[in-house]
Amino acid sequence: MKSKRHTPEQVITKIAEGDQMLNEGKTIAEVARSFGITETTWYRWKSTYGGMKANDAKRLKELEAENRRLKIMVADLTLDKAMLKELAEGNF
C-alpha cells in the first residue's frame, strides 16, 4: 500500500473535520478509518497541529525551513573555525 503525504493544510482541515465527527459521537477508530490513516497518525497530527489554523501551518513550515538553513550555516562556520584554528597552530 502506497503511503500518502498530507500537507499541513490538509492535516489541519482533517483534524477539524475529525473533531466534528468526534463531537457527533464517532470513535477515534472510525474517524481515522474514514481518513484512511491509523489512530497513531491521528494522535501525532493532533499533537503537532492541534490548535493551528492554515496560515499558522504555513508560518511553521517557513520557520522550519529557516531553522534548517541556519543550522547548515552554523555547521559551515564551525568547520571553517576548526580549519583556521589548525592552520594557526601549524598542524597542516
PDB file of N, CA and C in Angstrom:
ATOM      1  N   MET A   1       0.845  -1.178   0.000  1.00  0.00           N
ATOM      2  CA  MET A   1       0.000   0.000   0.000  1.00  0.00           C
ATOM      3  C   MET A   1       0.884   1.234   0.000  1.00  0.00           C
ATOM      4  N   LYS A   2       0.674   2.113  -0.942  1.00  0.00           N
ATOM      5  CA  LYS A   2       1.481   3.317  -1.058  1.00  0.00           C
ATOM      6  C   LYS A   2       1.003   4.345  -0.042  1.00  0.00           C
ATOM      7  N   SER A   3       1.949   4.906   0.718  1.00  0.00           N
ATOM      8  CA  SER A   3       1.568   5.904   1.701  1.00  0.00           C
ATOM      9  C   SER A   3       1.433   7.266   1.031  1.00  0.00           C
ATOM     10  N   LYS A   4       0.529   8.075   1.558  1.00  0.00           N
ATOM     11  CA  LYS A   4       0.276   9.396   1.002  1.00  0.00           C
ATOM     12  C   LYS A   4       0.749  10.441   1.995  1.00  0.00           C
ATOM     13  N   ARG A   5       1.466  11.415   1.494  1.00  0.00           N
ATOM     14  CA  ARG A   5       1.918  12.505   2.340  1.00  0.00           C
ATOM     15  C   ARG A   5       0.860  13.602   2.312  1.00  0.00           C
ATOM     16  N   HIS A   6       0.466  14.057   3.462  1.00  0.00           N
ATOM     17  CA  HIS A   6      -0.517  15.118   3.561  1.00  0.00           C
ATOM     18  C   HIS A   6       0.197  16.434   3.851  1.00  0.00           C
ATOM     19  N   THR A   7      -0.272  17.508   3.235  1.00  0.00           N
ATOM     20  CA  THR A   7       0.287  18.824   3.519  1.00  0.00           C
ATOM     21  C   THR A   7      -0.247  19.275   4.871  1.00  0.00           C
ATOM     22  N   PRO A   8       0.455  20.182   5.529  1.00  0.00           N
ATOM     23  CA  PRO A   8      -0.055  20.675   6.820  1.00  0.00           C
ATOM     24  C   PRO A   8      -1.462  21.264   6.719  1.00  0.00           C
ATOM     25  N   GLU A   9      -1.757  21.920   5.606  1.00  0.00           N
ATOM     26  CA  GLU A   9      -3.093  22.486   5.432  1.00  0.00           C
ATOM     27  C   GLU A   9      -4.149  21.385   5.374  1.00  0.00           C
ATOM     28  N   GLN A  10      -3.834  20.286   4.674  1.00  0.00           N
ATOM     29  CA  GLN A  10      -4.756  19.156   4.601  1.00  0.00           C
ATOM     30  C   GLN A  10      -4.942  18.527   5.977  1.00  0.00           C
ATOM     31  N   VAL A  11      -3.855  18.415   6.726  1.00  0.00           N
ATOM     32  CA  VAL A  11      -3.924  17.809   8.061  1.00  0.00           C
ATOM     33  C   VAL A  11      -4.809  18.655   8.963  1.00  0.00           C
ATOM     34  N   ILE A  12      -4.640  19.973   8.928  1.00  0.00           N
ATOM     35  CA  ILE A  12      -5.441  20.856   9.780  1.00  0.00           C
ATOM     36  C   ILE A  12      -6.916  20.750   9.420  1.00  0.00           C
ATOM     37  N   THR A  13      -7.213  20.672   8.131  1.00  0.00           N
ATOM     38  CA  THR A  13      -8.597  20.516   7.690  1.00  0.00           C
ATOM     39  C   THR A  13      -9.169  19.198   8.187  1.00  0.00           C
ATOM     40  N   LYS A  14      -8.387  18.123   8.071  1.00  0.00           N
ATOM     41  CA  LYS A  14      -8.863  16.809   8.508  1.00  0.00           C
ATOM     42  C   LYS A  14      -9.037  16.757  10.027  1.00  0.00           C
ATOM     43  N   ILE A  15      -8.179  17.463  10.760  1.00  0.00           N
ATOM     44  CA  ILE A  15      -8.336  17.497  12.220  1.00  0.00           C
ATOM     45  C   ILE A  15      -9.653  18.183  12.577  1.00  0.00           C
ATOM     46  N   ALA A  16      -9.954  19.286  11.898  1.00  0.00           N
ATOM     47  CA  ALA A  16     -11.207  19.993  12.170  1.00  0.00           C
ATOM     48  C   ALA A  16     -12.406  19.102  11.850  1.00  0.00           C
ATOM     49  N   GLU A  17     -12.356  18.413  10.704  1.00  0.00           N
ATOM     50  CA  GLU A  17     -13.444  17.501  10.337  1.00  0.00           C
ATOM     51  C   GLU A  17     -13.549  16.359  11.341  1.00  0.00           C
ATOM     52  N   GLY A  18     -12.397  15.833  11.742  1.00  0.00           N
ATOM     53  CA  GLY A  18     -12.384  14.729  12.701  1.00  0.00           C
ATOM     54  C   GLY A  18     -12.927  15.136  14.056  1.00  0.00           C
ATOM     55  N   ASP A  19     -12.585  16.344  14.502  1.00  0.00           N
ATOM     56  CA  ASP A  19     -13.122  16.818  15.777  1.00  0.00           C
ATOM     57  C   ASP A  19     -14.641  16.942  15.711  1.00  0.00           C
ATOM     58  N   GLN A  20     -15.137  17.391  14.565  1.00  0.00           N
ATOM     59  CA  GLN A  20     -16.580  17.495  14.391  1.00  0.00           C
ATOM     60  C   GLN A  20     -17.220  16.102  14.433  1.00  0.00           C
ATOM     61  N   MET A  21     -16.572  15.133  13.790  1.00  0.00           N
ATOM     62  CA  MET A  21     -17.083  13.765  13.808  1.00  0.00           C
ATOM     63  C   MET A  21     -17.066  13.195  15.226  1.00  0.00           C
ATOM     64  N   LEU A  22     -16.001  13.517  15.982  1.00  0.00           N
ATOM     65  CA  LEU A  22     -15.919  13.039  17.361  1.00  0.00           C
ATOM     66  C   LEU A  22     -17.028  13.646  18.217  1.00  0.00           C
ATOM     67  N   ASN A  23     -17.333  14.921  17.973  1.00  0.00           N
ATOM     68  CA  ASN A  23     -18.414  15.572  18.718  1.00  0.00           C
ATOM     69  C   ASN A  23     -19.774  14.966  18.377  1.00  0.00           C
ATOM     70  N   GLU A  24     -19.894  14.390  17.190  1.00  0.00           N
ATOM     71  CA  GLU A  24     -21.137  13.733  16.791  1.00  0.00           C
ATOM     72  C   GLU A  24     -21.262  12.341  17.393  1.00  0.00           C
ATOM     73  N   GLY A  25     -20.210  11.868  18.052  1.00  0.00           N
ATOM     74  CA  GLY A  25     -20.292  10.590  18.746  1.00  0.00           C
ATOM     75  C   GLY A  25     -19.497   9.462  18.118  1.00  0.00           C
ATOM     76  N   LYS A  26     -18.771   9.723  17.062  1.00  0.00           N
ATOM     77  CA  LYS A  26     -17.965   8.664  16.455  1.00  0.00           C
ATOM     78  C   LYS A  26     -16.711   8.434  17.293  1.00  0.00           C
ATOM     79  N   THR A  27     -16.134   7.251  17.144  1.00  0.00           N
ATOM     80  CA  THR A  27     -14.906   6.933  17.863  1.00  0.00           C
ATOM     81  C   THR A  27     -13.699   7.374  17.041  1.00  0.00           C
ATOM     82  N   ILE A  28     -12.553   7.404  17.696  1.00  0.00           N
ATOM     83  CA  ILE A  28     -11.326   7.787  17.002  1.00  0.00           C
ATOM     84  C   ILE A  28     -10.990   6.770  15.917  1.00  0.00           C
ATOM     85  N   ALA A  29     -11.267   5.502  16.176  1.00  0.00           N
ATOM     86  CA  ALA A  29     -11.009   4.473  15.174  1.00  0.00           C
ATOM     87  C   ALA A  29     -11.839   4.721  13.921  1.00  0.00           C
ATOM     88  N   GLU A  30     -13.096   5.109  14.085  1.00  0.00           N
ATOM     89  CA  GLU A  30     -13.950   5.399  12.930  1.00  0.00           C
ATOM     90  C   GLU A  30     -13.472   6.635  12.171  1.00  0.00           C
ATOM     91  N   VAL A  31     -13.054   7.640  12.917  1.00  0.00           N
ATOM     92  CA  VAL A  31     -12.555   8.861  12.282  1.00  0.00           C
ATOM     93  C   VAL A  31     -11.288   8.563  11.490  1.00  0.00           C
ATOM     94  N   ALA A  32     -10.368   7.850  12.100  1.00  0.00           N
ATOM     95  CA  ALA A  32      -9.122   7.504  11.417  1.00  0.00           C
ATOM     96  C   ALA A  32      -9.391   6.660  10.180  1.00  0.00           C
ATOM     97  N   ARG A  33     -10.289   5.711  10.281  1.00  0.00           N
ATOM     98  CA  ARG A  33     -10.625   4.865   9.141  1.00  0.00           C
ATOM     99  C   ARG A  33     -11.240   5.685   8.010  1.00  0.00           C
ATOM    100  N   SER A  34     -12.053   6.677   8.343  1.00  0.00           N
ATOM    101  CA  SER A  34     -12.687   7.486   7.303  1.00  0.00           C
ATOM    102  C   SER A  34     -11.659   8.325   6.543  1.00  0.00           C
ATOM    103  N   PHE A  35     -10.557   8.678   7.198  1.00  0.00           N
ATOM    104  CA  PHE A  35      -9.491   9.444   6.542  1.00  0.00           C
ATOM    105  C   PHE A  35      -8.425   8.554   5.926  1.00  0.00           C
ATOM    106  N   GLY A  36      -8.498   7.257   6.196  1.00  0.00           N
ATOM    107  CA  GLY A  36      -7.519   6.328   5.646  1.00  0.00           C
ATOM    108  C   GLY A  36      -6.178   6.396   6.345  1.00  0.00           C
ATOM    109  N   ILE A  37      -6.202   6.678   7.656  1.00  0.00           N
ATOM    110  CA  ILE A  37      -4.976   6.769   8.451  1.00  0.00           C
ATOM    111  C   ILE A  37      -5.108   5.865   9.661  1.00  0.00           C
ATOM    112  N   THR A  38      -4.009   5.713  10.395  1.00  0.00           N
ATOM    113  CA  THR A  38      -4.052   4.930  11.617  1.00  0.00           C
ATOM    114  C   THR A  38      -4.370   5.841  12.801  1.00  0.00           C
ATOM    115  N   GLU A  39      -4.755   5.228  13.903  1.00  0.00           N
ATOM    116  CA  GLU A  39      -5.023   6.010  15.114  1.00  0.00           C
ATOM    117  C   GLU A  39      -3.756   6.712  15.590  1.00  0.00           C
ATOM    118  N   THR A  40      -2.614   6.059  15.424  1.00  0.00           N
ATOM    119  CA  THR A  40      -1.339   6.664  15.810  1.00  0.00           C
ATOM    120  C   THR A  40      -1.087   7.939  15.026  1.00  0.00           C
ATOM    121  N   THR A  41      -1.375   7.894  13.725  1.00  0.00           N
ATOM    122  CA  THR A  41      -1.210   9.084  12.895  1.00  0.00           C
ATOM    123  C   THR A  41      -2.142  10.183  13.363  1.00  0.00           C
ATOM    124  N   TRP A  42      -3.377   9.809  13.707  1.00  0.00           N
ATOM    125  CA  TRP A  42      -4.326  10.812  14.205  1.00  0.00           C
ATOM    126  C   TRP A  42      -3.771  11.495  15.442  1.00  0.00           C
ATOM    127  N   TYR A  43      -3.280  10.752  16.416  1.00  0.00           N
ATOM    128  CA  TYR A  43      -2.750  11.339  17.645  1.00  0.00           C
ATOM    129  C   TYR A  43      -1.503  12.194  17.365  1.00  0.00           C
ATOM    130  N   ARG A  44      -0.664  11.743  16.429  1.00  0.00           N
ATOM    131  CA  ARG A  44       0.526  12.526  16.067  1.00  0.00           C
ATOM    132  C   ARG A  44       0.112  13.847  15.430  1.00  0.00           C
ATOM    133  N   TRP A  45      -0.867  13.810  14.544  1.00  0.00           N
ATOM    134  CA  TRP A  45      -1.376  15.028  13.913  1.00  0.00           C
ATOM    135  C   TRP A  45      -1.947  15.977  14.963  1.00  0.00           C
ATOM    136  N   LYS A  46      -2.700  15.426  15.897  1.00  0.00           N
ATOM    137  CA  LYS A  46      -3.311  16.259  16.939  1.00  0.00           C
ATOM    138  C   LYS A  46      -2.253  16.930  17.798  1.00  0.00           C
ATOM    139  N   SER A  47      -1.184  16.199  18.121  1.00  0.00           N
ATOM    140  CA  SER A  47      -0.147  16.793  18.963  1.00  0.00           C
ATOM    141  C   SER A  47       0.666  17.833  18.201  1.00  0.00           C
ATOM    142  N   THR A  48       0.836  17.633  16.895  1.00  0.00           N
ATOM    143  CA  THR A  48       1.636  18.561  16.104  1.00  0.00           C
ATOM    144  C   THR A  48       0.831  19.770  15.654  1.00  0.00           C
ATOM    145  N   TYR A  49      -0.371  19.527  15.132  1.00  0.00           N
ATOM    146  CA  TYR A  49      -1.153  20.594  14.509  1.00  0.00           C
ATOM    147  C   TYR A  49      -2.438  20.918  15.262  1.00  0.00           C
ATOM    148  N   GLY A  50      -2.534  20.498  16.525  1.00  0.00           N
ATOM    149  CA  GLY A  50      -3.771  20.586  17.280  1.00  0.00           C
ATOM    150  C   GLY A  50      -4.579  21.860  17.180  1.00  0.00           C
ATOM    151  N   GLY A  51      -4.066  22.990  17.599  1.00  0.00           N
ATOM    152  CA  GLY A  51      -4.861  24.213  17.630  1.00  0.00           C
ATOM    153  C   GLY A  51      -4.520  25.189  16.530  1.00  0.00           C
ATOM    154  N   MET A  52      -3.938  24.704  15.458  1.00  0.00           N
ATOM    155  CA  MET A  52      -3.461  25.610  14.405  1.00  0.00           C
ATOM    156  C   MET A  52      -4.540  25.921  13.375  1.00  0.00           C
ATOM    157  N   LYS A  53      -4.341  27.046  12.734  1.00  0.00           N
ATOM    158  CA  LYS A  53      -5.107  27.420  11.549  1.00  0.00           C
ATOM    159  C   LYS A  53      -4.192  27.190  10.345  1.00  0.00           C
ATOM    160  N   ALA A  54      -4.731  27.294   9.145  1.00  0.00           N
ATOM    161  CA  ALA A  54      -3.957  27.017   7.931  1.00  0.00           C
ATOM    162  C   ALA A  54      -2.769  27.963   7.790  1.00  0.00           C
ATOM    163  N   ASN A  55      -2.968  29.253   8.119  1.00  0.00           N
ATOM    164  CA  ASN A  55      -1.852  30.198   7.984  1.00  0.00           C
ATOM    165  C   ASN A  55      -0.776  29.951   9.036  1.00  0.00           C
ATOM    166  N   ASP A  56      -1.160  29.401  10.201  1.00  0.00           N
ATOM    167  CA  ASP A  56      -0.171  29.029  11.214  1.00  0.00           C
ATOM    168  C   ASP A  56       0.728  27.909  10.691  1.00  0.00           C
ATOM    169  N   ALA A  57       0.144  26.967   9.985  1.00  0.00           N
ATOM    170  CA  ALA A  57       0.914  25.852   9.435  1.00  0.00           C
ATOM    171  C   ALA A  57       1.897  26.351   8.387  1.00  0.00           C
ATOM    172  N   LYS A  58       1.467  27.305   7.580  1.00  0.00           N
ATOM    173  CA  LYS A  58       2.355  27.869   6.565  1.00  0.00           C
ATOM    174  C   LYS A  58       3.534  28.570   7.238  1.00  0.00           C
ATOM    175  N   ARG A  59       3.263  29.311   8.305  1.00  0.00           N
ATOM    176  CA  ARG A  59       4.318  30.011   9.042  1.00  0.00           C
ATOM    177  C   ARG A  59       5.269  29.004   9.700  1.00  0.00           C
ATOM    178  N   LEU A  60       4.722  27.911  10.238  1.00  0.00           N
ATOM    179  CA  LEU A  60       5.543  26.864  10.838  1.00  0.00           C
ATOM    180  C   LEU A  60       6.489  26.279   9.802  1.00  0.00           C
ATOM    181  N   LYS A  61       5.978  26.022   8.596  1.00  0.00           N
ATOM    182  CA  LYS A  61       6.798  25.465   7.530  1.00  0.00           C
ATOM    183  C   LYS A  61       7.925  26.426   7.160  1.00  0.00           C
ATOM    184  N   GLU A  62       7.623  27.731   7.097  1.00  0.00           N
ATOM    185  CA  GLU A  62       8.644  28.732   6.793  1.00  0.00           C
ATOM    186  C   GLU A  62       9.706  28.769   7.884  1.00  0.00           C
ATOM    187  N   LEU A  63       9.276  28.721   9.137  1.00  0.00           N
ATOM    188  CA  LEU A  63      10.234  28.751  10.247  1.00  0.00           C
ATOM    189  C   LEU A  63      11.118  27.509  10.272  1.00  0.00           C
ATOM    190  N   GLU A  64      10.540  26.356   9.953  1.00  0.00           N
ATOM    191  CA  GLU A  64      11.343  25.137   9.910  1.00  0.00           C
ATOM    192  C   GLU A  64      12.382  25.213   8.797  1.00  0.00           C
ATOM    193  N   ALA A  65      12.018  25.778   7.656  1.00  0.00           N
ATOM    194  CA  ALA A  65      12.976  25.931   6.552  1.00  0.00           C
ATOM    195  C   ALA A  65      14.089  26.895   6.941  1.00  0.00           C
ATOM    196  N   GLU A  66      13.723  27.985   7.610  1.00  0.00           N
ATOM    197  CA  GLU A  66      14.737  28.944   8.056  1.00  0.00           C
ATOM    198  C   GLU A  66      15.655  28.314   9.099  1.00  0.00           C
ATOM    199  N   ASN A  67      15.095  27.544  10.001  1.00  0.00           N
ATOM    200  CA  ASN A  67      15.886  26.869  11.030  1.00  0.00           C
ATOM    201  C   ASN A  67      16.874  25.891  10.401  1.00  0.00           C
ATOM    202  N   ARG A  68      16.422  25.153   9.404  1.00  0.00           N
ATOM    203  CA  ARG A  68      17.292  24.208   8.699  1.00  0.00           C
ATOM    204  C   ARG A  68      18.447  24.951   8.021  1.00  0.00           C
ATOM    205  N   ARG A  69      18.123  26.076   7.379  1.00  0.00           N
ATOM    206  CA  ARG A  69      19.151  26.876   6.703  1.00  0.00           C
ATOM    207  C   ARG A  69      20.167  27.419   7.714  1.00  0.00           C
ATOM    208  N   LEU A  70      19.691  27.900   8.854  1.00  0.00           N
ATOM    209  CA  LEU A  70      20.594  28.439   9.872  1.00  0.00           C
ATOM    210  C   LEU A  70      21.476  27.353  10.481  1.00  0.00           C
ATOM    211  N   LYS A  71      20.949  26.146  10.661  1.00  0.00           N
ATOM    212  CA  LYS A  71      21.759  25.042  11.181  1.00  0.00           C
ATOM    213  C   LYS A  71      22.895  24.701  10.230  1.00  0.00           C
ATOM    214  N   ILE A  72      22.610  24.739   8.935  1.00  0.00           N
ATOM    215  CA  ILE A  72      23.655  24.478   7.936  1.00  0.00           C
ATOM    216  C   ILE A  72      24.721  25.562   8.005  1.00  0.00           C
ATOM    217  N   MET A  73      24.298  26.819   8.158  1.00  0.00           N
ATOM    218  CA  MET A  73      25.251  27.918   8.252  1.00  0.00           C
ATOM    219  C   MET A  73      26.148  27.759   9.475  1.00  0.00           C
ATOM    220  N   VAL A  74      25.569  27.391  10.606  1.00  0.00           N
ATOM    221  CA  VAL A  74      26.354  27.207  11.831  1.00  0.00           C
ATOM    222  C   VAL A  74      27.353  26.071  11.651  1.00  0.00           C
ATOM    223  N   ALA A  75      26.929  24.992  11.024  1.00  0.00           N
ATOM    224  CA  ALA A  75      27.840  23.865  10.796  1.00  0.00           C
ATOM    225  C   ALA A  75      29.000  24.285   9.903  1.00  0.00           C
ATOM    226  N   ASP A  76      28.715  25.043   8.839  1.00  0.00           N
ATOM    227  CA  ASP A  76      29.780  25.515   7.953  1.00  0.00           C
ATOM    228  C   ASP A  76      30.750  26.434   8.687  1.00  0.00           C
ATOM    229  N   LEU A  77      30.223  27.355   9.496  1.00  0.00           N
ATOM    230  CA  LEU A  77      31.083  28.277  10.230  1.00  0.00           C
ATOM    231  C   LEU A  77      31.927  27.549  11.276  1.00  0.00           C
ATOM    232  N   THR A  78      31.368  26.539  11.904  1.00  0.00           N
ATOM    233  CA  THR A  78      32.124  25.759  12.877  1.00  0.00           C
ATOM    234  C   THR A  78      33.261  25.019  12.191  1.00  0.00           C
ATOM    235  N   LEU A  79      33.013  24.475  11.020  1.00  0.00           N
ATOM    236  CA  LEU A  79      34.053  23.798  10.255  1.00  0.00           C
ATOM    237  C   LEU A  79      35.144  24.784   9.829  1.00  0.00           C
ATOM    238  N   ASP A  80      34.738  25.960   9.360  1.00  0.00           N
ATOM    239  CA  ASP A  80      35.716  26.988   8.982  1.00  0.00           C
ATOM    240  C   ASP A  80      36.578  27.381  10.171  1.00  0.00           C
ATOM    241  N   LYS A  81      35.959  27.541  11.324  1.00  0.00           N
ATOM    242  CA  LYS A  81      36.681  27.914  12.529  1.00  0.00           C
ATOM    243  C   LYS A  81      37.709  26.846  12.898  1.00  0.00           C
ATOM    244  N   ALA A  82      37.314  25.582  12.816  1.00  0.00           N
ATOM    245  CA  ALA A  82      38.228  24.493  13.145  1.00  0.00           C
ATOM    246  C   ALA A  82      39.399  24.456  12.172  1.00  0.00           C
ATOM    247  N   MET A  83      39.130  24.693  10.871  1.00  0.00           N
ATOM    248  CA  MET A  83      40.218  24.701   9.883  1.00  0.00           C
ATOM    249  C   MET A  83      41.174  25.854  10.148  1.00  0.00           C
ATOM    250  N   LEU A  84      40.657  27.034  10.445  1.00  0.00           N
ATOM    251  CA  LEU A  84      41.511  28.191  10.720  1.00  0.00           C
ATOM    252  C   LEU A  84      42.329  27.986  11.991  1.00  0.00           C
ATOM    253  N   LYS A  85      41.755  27.351  12.971  1.00  0.00           N
ATOM    254  CA  LYS A  85      42.473  27.072  14.210  1.00  0.00           C
ATOM    255  C   LYS A  85      43.643  26.127  13.942  1.00  0.00           C
ATOM    256  N   GLU A  86      43.413  25.109  13.120  1.00  0.00           N
ATOM    257  CA  GLU A  86      44.505  24.182  12.761  1.00  0.00           C
ATOM    258  C   GLU A  86      45.599  24.892  11.982  1.00  0.00           C
ATOM    259  N   LEU A  87      45.225  25.751  11.067  1.00  0.00           N
ATOM    260  CA  LEU A  87      46.216  26.494  10.285  1.00  0.00           C
ATOM    261  C   LEU A  87      47.026  27.409  11.179  1.00  0.00           C
ATOM    262  N   ALA A  88      46.394  28.041  12.157  1.00  0.00           N
ATOM    263  CA  ALA A  88      47.086  28.965  13.040  1.00  0.00           C
ATOM    264  C   ALA A  88      48.097  28.228  13.929  1.00  0.00           C
ATOM    265  N   GLU A  89      47.785  26.979  14.264  1.00  0.00           N
ATOM    266  CA  GLU A  89      48.684  26.186  15.090  1.00  0.00           C
ATOM    267  C   GLU A  89      49.812  25.575  14.256  1.00  0.00           C
ATOM    268  N   GLY A  90      49.644  25.548  12.946  1.00  0.00           N
ATOM    269  CA  GLY A  90      50.667  24.994  12.084  1.00  0.00           C
ATOM    270  C   GLY A  90      50.591  23.487  11.935  1.00  0.00           C
ATOM    271  N   ASN A  91      49.460  22.898  12.188  1.00  0.00           N
ATOM    272  CA  ASN A  91      49.270  21.451  12.109  1.00  0.00           C
ATOM    273  C   ASN A  91      48.638  21.041  10.782  1.00  0.00           C
ATOM    274  N   PHE A  92      49.222  21.434   9.705  1.00  0.00           N
ATOM    275  CA  PHE A  92      48.635  21.085   8.416  1.00  0.00           C
ATOM    276  C   PHE A  92      49.565  20.233   7.596  1.00  0.00           C
TER     277      PHE A  92
END
